[in-house]
């Protein structure tokens, strides 16, 4: 069985008040497209933790203090050829200095129909 990776899932945590801004920005350039549907995503409420160092410029929190922040974890699928543009767009519109971005390769379900 040969597996080609054509799609990925991108996961990023976002402050709750910035979720729609980030989601709309990345979906407008191709994230979240499944078949004949656009802007497909799922979110999960979560608690993010971080401790900014002296060299950091935190959007939320104080330097050298462990922070616990309510966030939304945004998950979208996208074609592999759109990943670079979507990552760049996340970094452009996301308020965090260093957003946590995960990229997970997806296996096309069609290979299991053969």
PDB file of N, CA and C in Angstrom:
ATOM      1  N   UNK A   1       0.852  -1.177   0.000  1.00  0.00           N
ATOM      2  CA  UNK A   1       0.000   0.000   0.000  1.00  0.00           C
ATOM      3  C   UNK A   1       0.899   1.241   0.000  1.00  0.00           C
ATOM      4  N   UNK A   2       0.690   2.104  -0.974  1.00  0.00           N
ATOM      5  CA  UNK A   2       1.447   3.348  -1.058  1.00  0.00           C
ATOM      6  C   UNK A   2       0.588   4.477  -0.479  1.00  0.00           C
ATOM      7  N   UNK A   3       1.163   5.243   0.428  1.00  0.00           N
ATOM      8  CA  UNK A   3       0.419   6.333   1.057  1.00  0.00           C
ATOM      9  C   UNK A   3       1.036   7.660   0.645  1.00  0.00           C
ATOM     10  N   UNK A   4       0.254   8.486  -0.029  1.00  0.00           N
ATOM     11  CA  UNK A   4       0.664   9.842  -0.374  1.00  0.00           C
ATOM     12  C   UNK A   4      -0.047  10.795   0.580  1.00  0.00           C
ATOM     13  N   UNK A   5       0.683  11.764   1.077  1.00  0.00           N
ATOM     14  CA  UNK A   5       0.084  12.759   1.963  1.00  0.00           C
ATOM     15  C   UNK A   5      -0.321  13.962   1.112  1.00  0.00           C
ATOM     16  N   UNK A   6      -1.631  14.161   0.973  1.00  0.00           N
ATOM     17  CA  UNK A   6      -2.171  15.264   0.184  1.00  0.00           C
ATOM     18  C   UNK A   6      -2.827  16.332   1.044  1.00  0.00           C
ATOM     19  N   UNK A   7      -3.160  15.953   2.282  1.00  0.00           N
ATOM     20  CA  UNK A   7      -3.845  16.877   3.187  1.00  0.00           C
ATOM     21  C   UNK A   7      -3.201  16.817   4.567  1.00  0.00           C
ATOM     22  N   UNK A   8      -3.355  17.907   5.301  1.00  0.00           N
ATOM     23  CA  UNK A   8      -2.877  17.962   6.683  1.00  0.00           C
ATOM     24  C   UNK A   8      -3.970  18.567   7.552  1.00  0.00           C
ATOM     25  N   UNK A   9      -3.816  18.372   8.844  1.00  0.00           N
ATOM     26  CA  UNK A   9      -4.652  19.076   9.813  1.00  0.00           C
ATOM     27  C   UNK A   9      -3.740  20.073  10.499  1.00  0.00           C
ATOM     28  N   UNK A  10      -4.177  21.307  10.549  1.00  0.00           N
ATOM     29  CA  UNK A  10      -3.441  22.356  11.245  1.00  0.00           C
ATOM     30  C   UNK A  10      -4.194  22.673  12.522  1.00  0.00           C
ATOM     31  N   UNK A  11      -3.472  22.671  13.627  1.00  0.00           N
ATOM     32  CA  UNK A  11      -4.059  22.954  14.933  1.00  0.00           C
ATOM     33  C   UNK A  11      -3.299  24.126  15.539  1.00  0.00           C
ATOM     34  N   UNK A  12      -4.044  25.103  16.038  1.00  0.00           N
ATOM     35  CA  UNK A  12      -3.427  26.273  16.660  1.00  0.00           C
ATOM     36  C   UNK A  12      -4.297  26.731  17.821  1.00  0.00           C
ATOM     37  N   UNK A  13      -3.671  27.104  18.929  1.00  0.00           N
ATOM     38  CA  UNK A  13      -4.416  27.645  20.058  1.00  0.00           C
ATOM     39  C   UNK A  13      -4.444  29.165  19.946  1.00  0.00           C
ATOM     40  N   UNK A  14      -5.606  29.726  20.311  1.00  0.00           N
ATOM     41  CA  UNK A  14      -5.862  31.142  20.071  1.00  0.00           C
ATOM     42  C   UNK A  14      -6.617  31.719  21.269  1.00  0.00           C
ATOM     43  N   UNK A  15      -6.299  32.953  21.676  1.00  0.00           N
ATOM     44  CA  UNK A  15      -7.122  33.579  22.706  1.00  0.00           C
ATOM     45  C   UNK A  15      -8.574  33.642  22.211  1.00  0.00           C
ATOM     46  N   UNK A  16      -9.507  33.414  23.099  1.00  0.00           N
ATOM     47  CA  UNK A  16     -10.910  33.290  22.707  1.00  0.00           C
ATOM     48  C   UNK A  16     -11.428  34.492  21.915  1.00  0.00           C
ATOM     49  N   UNK A  17     -10.969  35.688  22.253  1.00  0.00           N
ATOM     50  CA  UNK A  17     -11.482  36.885  21.577  1.00  0.00           C
ATOM     51  C   UNK A  17     -10.898  37.084  20.176  1.00  0.00           C
ATOM     52  N   UNK A  18      -9.918  36.284  19.780  1.00  0.00           N
ATOM     53  CA  UNK A  18      -9.290  36.410  18.450  1.00  0.00           C
ATOM     54  C   UNK A  18      -9.599  35.221  17.546  1.00  0.00           C
ATOM     55  N   UNK A  19     -10.392  34.272  18.035  1.00  0.00           N
ATOM     56  CA  UNK A  19     -10.672  33.049  17.279  1.00  0.00           C
ATOM     57  C   UNK A  19     -11.241  33.329  15.897  1.00  0.00           C
ATOM     58  N   UNK A  20     -12.304  34.103  15.811  1.00  0.00           N
ATOM     59  CA  UNK A  20     -12.945  34.339  14.513  1.00  0.00           C
ATOM     60  C   UNK A  20     -12.034  35.068  13.536  1.00  0.00           C
ATOM     61  N   UNK A  21     -11.218  35.965  14.033  1.00  0.00           N
ATOM     62  CA  UNK A  21     -10.282  36.689  13.154  1.00  0.00           C
ATOM     63  C   UNK A  21      -9.299  35.714  12.500  1.00  0.00           C
ATOM     64  N   UNK A  22      -8.734  34.820  13.292  1.00  0.00           N
ATOM     65  CA  UNK A  22      -7.766  33.859  12.752  1.00  0.00           C
ATOM     66  C   UNK A  22      -8.470  32.860  11.842  1.00  0.00           C
ATOM     67  N   UNK A  23      -9.592  32.304  12.300  1.00  0.00           N
ATOM     68  CA  UNK A  23     -10.313  31.315  11.486  1.00  0.00           C
ATOM     69  C   UNK A  23     -10.697  31.904  10.132  1.00  0.00           C
ATOM     70  N   UNK A  24     -11.299  33.081  10.123  1.00  0.00           N
ATOM     71  CA  UNK A  24     -11.724  33.685   8.860  1.00  0.00           C
ATOM     72  C   UNK A  24     -10.543  33.960   7.947  1.00  0.00           C
ATOM     73  N   UNK A  25      -9.446  34.441   8.501  1.00  0.00           N
ATOM     74  CA  UNK A  25      -8.270  34.763   7.677  1.00  0.00           C
ATOM     75  C   UNK A  25      -7.713  33.526   6.980  1.00  0.00           C
ATOM     76  N   UNK A  26      -7.615  32.409   7.699  1.00  0.00           N
ATOM     77  CA  UNK A  26      -7.025  31.221   7.071  1.00  0.00           C
ATOM     78  C   UNK A  26      -8.022  30.492   6.173  1.00  0.00           C
ATOM     79  N   UNK A  27      -9.301  30.549   6.510  1.00  0.00           N
ATOM     80  CA  UNK A  27     -10.295  29.905   5.657  1.00  0.00           C
ATOM     81  C   UNK A  27     -10.470  30.657   4.341  1.00  0.00           C
ATOM     82  N   UNK A  28     -10.259  31.952   4.352  1.00  0.00           N
ATOM     83  CA  UNK A  28     -10.345  32.737   3.118  1.00  0.00           C
ATOM     84  C   UNK A  28      -9.251  32.367   2.121  1.00  0.00           C
ATOM     85  N   UNK A  29      -8.162  31.747   2.588  1.00  0.00           N
ATOM     86  CA  UNK A  29      -7.082  31.374   1.655  1.00  0.00           C
ATOM     87  C   UNK A  29      -6.975  29.852   1.473  1.00  0.00           C
ATOM     88  N   UNK A  30      -8.014  29.114   1.891  1.00  0.00           N
ATOM     89  CA  UNK A  30      -8.054  27.692   1.551  1.00  0.00           C
ATOM     90  C   UNK A  30      -8.090  26.697   2.684  1.00  0.00           C
ATOM     91  N   UNK A  31      -7.904  27.114   3.916  1.00  0.00           N
ATOM     92  CA  UNK A  31      -8.032  26.168   5.032  1.00  0.00           C
ATOM     93  C   UNK A  31      -9.505  25.847   5.236  1.00  0.00           C
ATOM     94  N   UNK A  32      -9.786  24.666   5.766  1.00  0.00           N
ATOM     95  CA  UNK A  32     -11.155  24.323   6.114  1.00  0.00           C
ATOM     96  C   UNK A  32     -12.049  23.965   4.949  1.00  0.00           C
ATOM     97  N   UNK A  33     -11.472  23.542   3.823  1.00  0.00           N
ATOM     98  CA  UNK A  33     -12.291  23.135   2.675  1.00  0.00           C
ATOM     99  C   UNK A  33     -12.408  21.615   2.673  1.00  0.00           C
ATOM    100  N   UNK A  34     -13.659  21.144   2.720  1.00  0.00           N
ATOM    101  CA  UNK A  34     -13.930  19.709   2.645  1.00  0.00           C
ATOM    102  C   UNK A  34     -15.019  19.516   1.596  1.00  0.00           C
ATOM    103  N   UNK A  35     -14.650  18.929   0.476  1.00  0.00           N
ATOM    104  CA  UNK A  35     -15.610  18.734  -0.613  1.00  0.00           C
ATOM    105  C   UNK A  35     -16.177  20.058  -1.071  1.00  0.00           C
ATOM    106  N   UNK A  36     -17.490  20.172  -1.042  1.00  0.00           N
ATOM    107  CA  UNK A  36     -18.185  21.384  -1.487  1.00  0.00           C
ATOM    108  C   UNK A  36     -18.438  22.368  -0.356  1.00  0.00           C
ATOM    109  N   UNK A  37     -17.722  22.219   0.759  1.00  0.00           N
ATOM    110  CA  UNK A  37     -17.918  23.085   1.922  1.00  0.00           C
ATOM    111  C   UNK A  37     -16.635  23.849   2.218  1.00  0.00           C
ATOM    112  N   UNK A  38     -16.790  25.092   2.653  1.00  0.00           N
ATOM    113  CA  UNK A  38     -15.640  25.890   3.076  1.00  0.00           C
ATOM    114  C   UNK A  38     -15.827  26.273   4.542  1.00  0.00           C
ATOM    115  N   UNK A  39     -14.790  26.821   5.138  1.00  0.00           N
ATOM    116  CA  UNK A  39     -14.801  27.284   6.527  1.00  0.00           C
ATOM    117  C   UNK A  39     -15.137  26.165   7.520  1.00  0.00           C
ATOM    118  N   UNK A  40     -14.777  24.920   7.176  1.00  0.00           N
ATOM    119  CA  UNK A  40     -15.005  23.789   8.074  1.00  0.00           C
ATOM    120  C   UNK A  40     -13.919  23.793   9.137  1.00  0.00           C
ATOM    121  N   UNK A  41     -14.323  23.763  10.388  1.00  0.00           N
ATOM    122  CA  UNK A  41     -13.357  23.743  11.479  1.00  0.00           C
ATOM    123  C   UNK A  41     -14.012  23.166  12.714  1.00  0.00           C
ATOM    124  N   UNK A  42     -13.197  22.884  13.694  1.00  0.00           N
ATOM    125  CA  UNK A  42     -13.694  22.474  14.993  1.00  0.00           C
ATOM    126  C   UNK A  42     -12.862  23.203  16.034  1.00  0.00           C
ATOM    127  N   UNK A  43     -13.504  23.592  17.119  1.00  0.00           N
ATOM    128  CA  UNK A  43     -12.769  24.237  18.209  1.00  0.00           C
ATOM    129  C   UNK A  43     -13.062  23.512  19.510  1.00  0.00           C
ATOM    130  N   UNK A  44     -12.090  23.595  20.391  1.00  0.00           N
ATOM    131  CA  UNK A  44     -12.206  23.016  21.720  1.00  0.00           C
ATOM    132  C   UNK A  44     -11.677  24.036  22.714  1.00  0.00           C
ATOM    133  N   UNK A  45     -12.420  24.272  23.767  1.00  0.00           N
ATOM    134  CA  UNK A  45     -11.932  25.159  24.819  1.00  0.00           C
ATOM    135  C   UNK A  45     -10.808  24.439  25.566  1.00  0.00           C
ATOM    136  N   UNK A  46      -9.776  25.180  25.905  1.00  0.00           N
ATOM    137  CA  UNK A  46      -8.644  24.593  26.603  1.00  0.00           C
ATOM    138  C   UNK A  46      -7.979  25.645  27.484  1.00  0.00           C
ATOM    139  N   UNK A  47      -7.083  25.206  28.311  1.00  0.00           N
ATOM    140  CA  UNK A  47      -6.287  26.104  29.140  1.00  0.00           C
ATOM    141  C   UNK A  47      -4.841  25.993  28.669  1.00  0.00           C
ATOM    142  N   UNK A  48      -4.293  27.089  28.184  1.00  0.00           N
ATOM    143  CA  UNK A  48      -2.900  27.132  27.766  1.00  0.00           C
ATOM    144  C   UNK A  48      -2.043  27.641  28.909  1.00  0.00           C
ATOM    145  N   UNK A  49      -0.828  27.120  29.001  1.00  0.00           N
ATOM    146  CA  UNK A  49       0.114  27.598  30.011  1.00  0.00           C
ATOM    147  C   UNK A  49       1.397  28.049  29.330  1.00  0.00           C
ATOM    148  N   UNK A  50       2.017  29.060  29.897  1.00  0.00           N
ATOM    149  CA  UNK A  50       3.294  29.545  29.382  1.00  0.00           C
ATOM    150  C   UNK A  50       3.918  30.464  30.427  1.00  0.00           C
ATOM    151  N   UNK A  51       5.217  30.621  30.308  1.00  0.00           N
ATOM    152  CA  UNK A  51       5.956  31.515  31.198  1.00  0.00           C
ATOM    153  C   UNK A  51       6.905  32.336  30.323  1.00  0.00           C
ATOM    154  N   UNK A  52       6.571  33.593  30.052  1.00  0.00           N
ATOM    155  CA  UNK A  52       7.430  34.418  29.204  1.00  0.00           C
ATOM    156  C   UNK A  52       8.801  34.668  29.858  1.00  0.00           C
ATOM    157  N   UNK A  53       9.841  34.546  29.060  1.00  0.00           N
ATOM    158  CA  UNK A  53      11.186  34.853  29.554  1.00  0.00           C
ATOM    159  C   UNK A  53      11.406  36.364  29.502  1.00  0.00           C
ATOM    160  N   UNK A  54      12.520  36.801  29.994  1.00  0.00           N
ATOM    161  CA  UNK A  54      12.852  38.240  29.952  1.00  0.00           C
ATOM    162  C   UNK A  54      12.952  38.761  28.519  1.00  0.00           C
ATOM    163  N   UNK A  55      13.296  37.891  27.568  1.00  0.00           N
ATOM    164  CA  UNK A  55      13.440  38.310  26.171  1.00  0.00           C
ATOM    165  C   UNK A  55      12.106  38.345  25.421  1.00  0.00           C
ATOM    166  N   UNK A  56      11.033  37.850  26.040  1.00  0.00           N
ATOM    167  CA  UNK A  56       9.732  37.763  25.374  1.00  0.00           C
ATOM    168  C   UNK A  56       9.001  39.109  25.374  1.00  0.00           C
ATOM    169  N   UNK A  57       8.058  39.222  24.430  1.00  0.00           N
ATOM    170  CA  UNK A  57       7.137  40.360  24.382  1.00  0.00           C
ATOM    171  C   UNK A  57       5.726  39.789  24.418  1.00  0.00           C
ATOM    172  N   UNK A  58       5.261  39.387  25.597  1.00  0.00           N
ATOM    173  CA  UNK A  58       3.988  38.664  25.667  1.00  0.00           C
ATOM    174  C   UNK A  58       2.767  39.535  25.354  1.00  0.00           C
ATOM    175  N   UNK A  59       1.843  38.954  24.607  1.00  0.00           N
ATOM    176  CA  UNK A  59       0.548  39.587  24.324  1.00  0.00           C
ATOM    177  C   UNK A  59      -0.307  39.566  25.594  1.00  0.00           C
ATOM    178  N   UNK A  60      -0.220  38.465  26.322  1.00  0.00           N
ATOM    179  CA  UNK A  60      -0.945  38.260  27.574  1.00  0.00           C
ATOM    180  C   UNK A  60       0.085  37.835  28.619  1.00  0.00           C
ATOM    181  N   UNK A  61      -0.075  38.273  29.831  1.00  0.00           N
ATOM    182  CA  UNK A  61       0.779  37.789  30.911  1.00  0.00           C
ATOM    183  C   UNK A  61       1.964  38.686  31.199  1.00  0.00           C
ATOM    184  N   UNK A  62       2.715  38.249  32.195  1.00  0.00           N
ATOM    185  CA  UNK A  62       3.882  39.005  32.644  1.00  0.00           C
ATOM    186  C   UNK A  62       5.137  38.144  32.541  1.00  0.00           C
ATOM    187  N   UNK A  63       6.248  38.781  32.290  1.00  0.00           N
ATOM    188  CA  UNK A  63       7.519  38.079  32.183  1.00  0.00           C
ATOM    189  C   UNK A  63       7.836  37.347  33.487  1.00  0.00           C
ATOM    190  N   UNK A  64       8.405  36.154  33.337  1.00  0.00           N
ATOM    191  CA  UNK A  64       8.830  35.303  34.456  1.00  0.00           C
ATOM    192  C   UNK A  64       7.690  34.883  35.376  1.00  0.00           C
ATOM    193  N   UNK A  65       6.447  34.899  34.885  1.00  0.00           N
ATOM    194  CA  UNK A  65       5.301  34.451  35.687  1.00  0.00           C
ATOM    195  C   UNK A  65       4.541  33.401  34.886  1.00  0.00           C
ATOM    196  N   UNK A  66       4.338  32.226  35.491  1.00  0.00           N
ATOM    197  CA  UNK A  66       3.574  31.164  34.839  1.00  0.00           C
ATOM    198  C   UNK A  66       2.127  31.616  34.677  1.00  0.00           C
ATOM    199  N   UNK A  67       1.627  31.540  33.450  1.00  0.00           N
ATOM    200  CA  UNK A  67       0.287  32.001  33.131  1.00  0.00           C
ATOM    201  C   UNK A  67      -0.602  30.821  32.743  1.00  0.00           C
ATOM    202  N   UNK A  68      -1.872  30.914  33.095  1.00  0.00           N
ATOM    203  CA  UNK A  68      -2.900  29.949  32.709  1.00  0.00           C
ATOM    204  C   UNK A  68      -3.984  30.753  31.997  1.00  0.00           C
ATOM    205  N   UNK A  69      -4.181  30.488  30.706  1.00  0.00           N
ATOM    206  CA  UNK A  69      -5.064  31.308  29.875  1.00  0.00           C
ATOM    207  C   UNK A  69      -6.120  30.431  29.195  1.00  0.00           C
ATOM    208  N   UNK A  70      -7.393  30.845  29.276  1.00  0.00           N
ATOM    209  CA  UNK A  70      -8.438  30.169  28.515  1.00  0.00           C
ATOM    210  C   UNK A  70      -8.232  30.477  27.041  1.00  0.00           C
ATOM    211  N   UNK A  71      -8.179  29.419  26.247  1.00  0.00           N
ATOM    212  CA  UNK A  71      -7.968  29.564  24.815  1.00  0.00           C
ATOM    213  C   UNK A  71      -8.944  28.656  24.076  1.00  0.00           C
ATOM    214  N   UNK A  72      -8.953  28.799  22.765  1.00  0.00           N
ATOM    215  CA  UNK A  72      -9.661  27.880  21.883  1.00  0.00           C
ATOM    216  C   UNK A  72      -8.605  27.182  21.033  1.00  0.00           C
ATOM    217  N   UNK A  73      -8.749  25.876  20.902  1.00  0.00           N
ATOM    218  CA  UNK A  73      -7.891  25.123  19.998  1.00  0.00           C
ATOM    219  C   UNK A  73      -8.656  25.001  18.683  1.00  0.00           C
ATOM    220  N   UNK A  74      -8.126  25.593  17.623  1.00  0.00           N
ATOM    221  CA  UNK A  74      -8.754  25.585  16.308  1.00  0.00           C
ATOM    222  C   UNK A  74      -8.114  24.500  15.457  1.00  0.00           C
ATOM    223  N   UNK A  75      -8.947  23.652  14.841  1.00  0.00           N
ATOM    224  CA  UNK A  75      -8.460  22.600  13.961  1.00  0.00           C
ATOM    225  C   UNK A  75      -9.101  22.757  12.591  1.00  0.00           C
ATOM    226  N   UNK A  76      -8.266  22.750  11.552  1.00  0.00           N
ATOM    227  CA  UNK A  76      -8.752  22.823  10.170  1.00  0.00           C
ATOM    228  C   UNK A  76      -7.939  21.861   9.314  1.00  0.00           C
ATOM    229  N   UNK A  77      -8.571  21.391   8.251  1.00  0.00           N
ATOM    230  CA  UNK A  77      -7.860  20.578   7.262  1.00  0.00           C
ATOM    231  C   UNK A  77      -7.488  21.479   6.096  1.00  0.00           C
ATOM    232  N   UNK A  78      -6.424  21.090   5.383  1.00  0.00           N
ATOM    233  CA  UNK A  78      -6.094  21.822   4.160  1.00  0.00           C
ATOM    234  C   UNK A  78      -5.241  20.957   3.251  1.00  0.00           C
ATOM    235  N   UNK A  79      -5.217  21.334   1.979  1.00  0.00           N
ATOM    236  CA  UNK A  79      -4.351  20.667   1.011  1.00  0.00           C
ATOM    237  C   UNK A  79      -2.900  20.979   1.343  1.00  0.00           C
ATOM    238  N   UNK A  80      -2.037  20.026   1.078  1.00  0.00           N
ATOM    239  CA  UNK A  80      -0.614  20.157   1.411  1.00  0.00           C
ATOM    240  C   UNK A  80       0.012  21.377   0.734  1.00  0.00           C
ATOM    241  N   UNK A  81      -0.452  21.720  -0.461  1.00  0.00           N
ATOM    242  CA  UNK A  81       0.146  22.850  -1.171  1.00  0.00           C
ATOM    243  C   UNK A  81      -0.271  24.212  -0.601  1.00  0.00           C
ATOM    244  N   UNK A  82      -1.192  24.233   0.344  1.00  0.00           N
ATOM    245  CA  UNK A  82      -1.630  25.486   0.969  1.00  0.00           C
ATOM    246  C   UNK A  82      -1.011  25.711   2.351  1.00  0.00           C
ATOM    247  N   UNK A  83      -0.295  24.727   2.867  1.00  0.00           N
ATOM    248  CA  UNK A  83       0.208  24.795   4.247  1.00  0.00           C
ATOM    249  C   UNK A  83       1.088  26.020   4.476  1.00  0.00           C
ATOM    250  N   UNK A  84       2.037  26.267   3.617  1.00  0.00           N
ATOM    251  CA  UNK A  84       2.958  27.396   3.819  1.00  0.00           C
ATOM    252  C   UNK A  84       2.199  28.719   3.926  1.00  0.00           C
ATOM    253  N   UNK A  85       1.270  28.962   3.004  1.00  0.00           N
ATOM    254  CA  UNK A  85       0.504  30.205   3.022  1.00  0.00           C
ATOM    255  C   UNK A  85      -0.358  30.324   4.276  1.00  0.00           C
ATOM    256  N   UNK A  86      -0.925  29.212   4.700  1.00  0.00           N
ATOM    257  CA  UNK A  86      -1.778  29.238   5.891  1.00  0.00           C
ATOM    258  C   UNK A  86      -0.947  29.505   7.142  1.00  0.00           C
ATOM    259  N   UNK A  87       0.214  28.896   7.245  1.00  0.00           N
ATOM    260  CA  UNK A  87       1.093  29.146   8.396  1.00  0.00           C
ATOM    261  C   UNK A  87       1.526  30.618   8.418  1.00  0.00           C
ATOM    262  N   UNK A  88       1.885  31.147   7.277  1.00  0.00           N
ATOM    263  CA  UNK A  88       2.261  32.567   7.206  1.00  0.00           C
ATOM    264  C   UNK A  88       1.105  33.467   7.618  1.00  0.00           C
ATOM    265  N   UNK A  89      -0.115  33.121   7.193  1.00  0.00           N
ATOM    266  CA  UNK A  89      -1.287  33.923   7.543  1.00  0.00           C
ATOM    267  C   UNK A  89      -1.566  33.833   9.046  1.00  0.00           C
ATOM    268  N   UNK A  90      -1.432  32.646   9.630  1.00  0.00           N
ATOM    269  CA  UNK A  90      -1.616  32.518  11.080  1.00  0.00           C
ATOM    270  C   UNK A  90      -0.650  33.450  11.797  1.00  0.00           C
ATOM    271  N   UNK A  91       0.609  33.408  11.422  1.00  0.00           N
ATOM    272  CA  UNK A  91       1.614  34.252  12.078  1.00  0.00           C
ATOM    273  C   UNK A  91       1.338  35.744  11.870  1.00  0.00           C
ATOM    274  N   UNK A  92       0.720  36.086  10.756  1.00  0.00           N
ATOM    275  CA  UNK A  92       0.390  37.489  10.474  1.00  0.00           C
ATOM    276  C   UNK A  92      -0.755  38.001  11.348  1.00  0.00           C
ATOM    277  N   UNK A  93      -1.803  37.191  11.539  1.00  0.00           N
ATOM    278  CA  UNK A  93      -3.004  37.684  12.229  1.00  0.00           C
ATOM    279  C   UNK A  93      -3.119  37.235  13.689  1.00  0.00           C
ATOM    280  N   UNK A  94      -2.351  36.246  14.087  1.00  0.00           N
ATOM    281  CA  UNK A  94      -2.417  35.740  15.466  1.00  0.00           C
ATOM    282  C   UNK A  94      -1.751  36.745  16.400  1.00  0.00           C
ATOM    283  N   UNK A  95      -2.340  37.009  17.566  1.00  0.00           N
ATOM    284  CA  UNK A  95      -1.752  38.020  18.452  1.00  0.00           C
ATOM    285  C   UNK A  95      -0.493  37.562  19.203  1.00  0.00           C
ATOM    286  N   UNK A  96      -0.290  36.258  19.321  1.00  0.00           N
ATOM    287  CA  UNK A  96       0.864  35.779  20.085  1.00  0.00           C
ATOM    288  C   UNK A  96       2.165  35.964  19.316  1.00  0.00           C
ATOM    289  N   UNK A  97       3.203  36.267  20.045  1.00  0.00           N
ATOM    290  CA  UNK A  97       4.548  36.370  19.482  1.00  0.00           C
ATOM    291  C   UNK A  97       4.995  35.028  18.892  1.00  0.00           C
ATOM    292  N   UNK A  98       4.658  33.936  19.568  1.00  0.00           N
ATOM    293  CA  UNK A  98       5.029  32.579  19.143  1.00  0.00           C
ATOM    294  C   UNK A  98       3.812  31.661  19.239  1.00  0.00           C
ATOM    295  N   UNK A  99       2.900  31.695  18.259  1.00  0.00           N
ATOM    296  CA  UNK A  99       1.742  30.802  18.339  1.00  0.00           C
ATOM    297  C   UNK A  99       2.167  29.337  18.241  1.00  0.00           C
ATOM    298  N   UNK A 100       1.496  28.481  19.001  1.00  0.00           N
ATOM    299  CA  UNK A 100       1.754  27.039  18.939  1.00  0.00           C
ATOM    300  C   UNK A 100       0.964  26.473  17.767  1.00  0.00           C
ATOM    301  N   UNK A 101       1.668  25.976  16.758  1.00  0.00           N
ATOM    302  CA  UNK A 101       1.039  25.459  15.548  1.00  0.00           C
ATOM    303  C   UNK A 101       1.478  24.008  15.360  1.00  0.00           C
ATOM    304  N   UNK A 102       0.507  23.107  15.246  1.00  0.00           N
ATOM    305  CA  UNK A 102       0.797  21.703  14.944  1.00  0.00           C
ATOM    306  C   UNK A 102       0.323  21.404  13.533  1.00  0.00           C
ATOM    307  N   UNK A 103       1.117  20.624  12.799  1.00  0.00           N
ATOM    308  CA  UNK A 103       0.756  20.208  11.443  1.00  0.00           C
ATOM    309  C   UNK A 103       0.803  18.683  11.427  1.00  0.00           C
ATOM    310  N   UNK A 104      -0.353  18.067  11.196  1.00  0.00           N
ATOM    311  CA  UNK A 104      -0.465  16.610  11.246  1.00  0.00           C
ATOM    312  C   UNK A 104      -0.821  16.084   9.857  1.00  0.00           C
ATOM    313  N   UNK A 105      -0.007  15.191   9.302  1.00  0.00           N
ATOM    314  CA  UNK A 105      -0.344  14.620   7.994  1.00  0.00           C
ATOM    315  C   UNK A 105      -1.588  13.742   8.100  1.00  0.00           C
ATOM    316  N   UNK A 106      -2.425  13.787   7.080  1.00  0.00           N
ATOM    317  CA  UNK A 106      -3.651  12.985   7.040  1.00  0.00           C
ATOM    318  C   UNK A 106      -3.572  11.972   5.908  1.00  0.00           C
ATOM    319  N   UNK A 107      -4.119  10.803   6.152  1.00  0.00           N
ATOM    320  CA  UNK A 107      -4.194   9.758   5.135  1.00  0.00           C
ATOM    321  C   UNK A 107      -5.558   9.864   4.460  1.00  0.00           C
ATOM    322  N   UNK A 108      -5.561   9.890   3.123  1.00  0.00           N
ATOM    323  CA  UNK A 108      -6.827   9.940   2.383  1.00  0.00           C
ATOM    324  C   UNK A 108      -7.589   8.651   2.621  1.00  0.00           C
ATOM    325  N   UNK A 109      -8.849   8.769   3.000  1.00  0.00           N
ATOM    326  CA  UNK A 109      -9.632   7.578   3.308  1.00  0.00           C
ATOM    327  C   UNK A 109      -9.870   6.696   2.085  1.00  0.00           C
ATOM    328  N   UNK A 110      -9.719   7.267   0.885  1.00  0.00           N
ATOM    329  CA  UNK A 110      -9.951   6.492  -0.334  1.00  0.00           C
ATOM    330  C   UNK A 110      -9.014   5.291  -0.449  1.00  0.00           C
ATOM    331  N   UNK A 111      -7.832   5.345   0.136  1.00  0.00           N
ATOM    332  CA  UNK A 111      -6.919   4.202   0.012  1.00  0.00           C
ATOM    333  C   UNK A 111      -7.479   2.965   0.709  1.00  0.00           C
ATOM    334  N   UNK A 112      -8.405   3.144   1.611  1.00  0.00           N
ATOM    335  CA  UNK A 112      -8.986   2.014   2.320  1.00  0.00           C
ATOM    336  C   UNK A 112     -10.183   1.427   1.582  1.00  0.00           C
ATOM    337  N   UNK A 113     -10.574   2.062   0.466  1.00  0.00           N
ATOM    338  CA  UNK A 113     -11.695   1.567  -0.338  1.00  0.00           C
ATOM    339  C   UNK A 113     -11.217   0.659  -1.464  1.00  0.00           C
ATOM    340  N   UNK A 114      -9.915   0.552  -1.632  1.00  0.00           N
ATOM    341  CA  UNK A 114      -9.364  -0.241  -2.750  1.00  0.00           C
ATOM    342  C   UNK A 114      -9.460  -1.711  -2.472  1.00  0.00           C
TER     343      UNK A 114
END
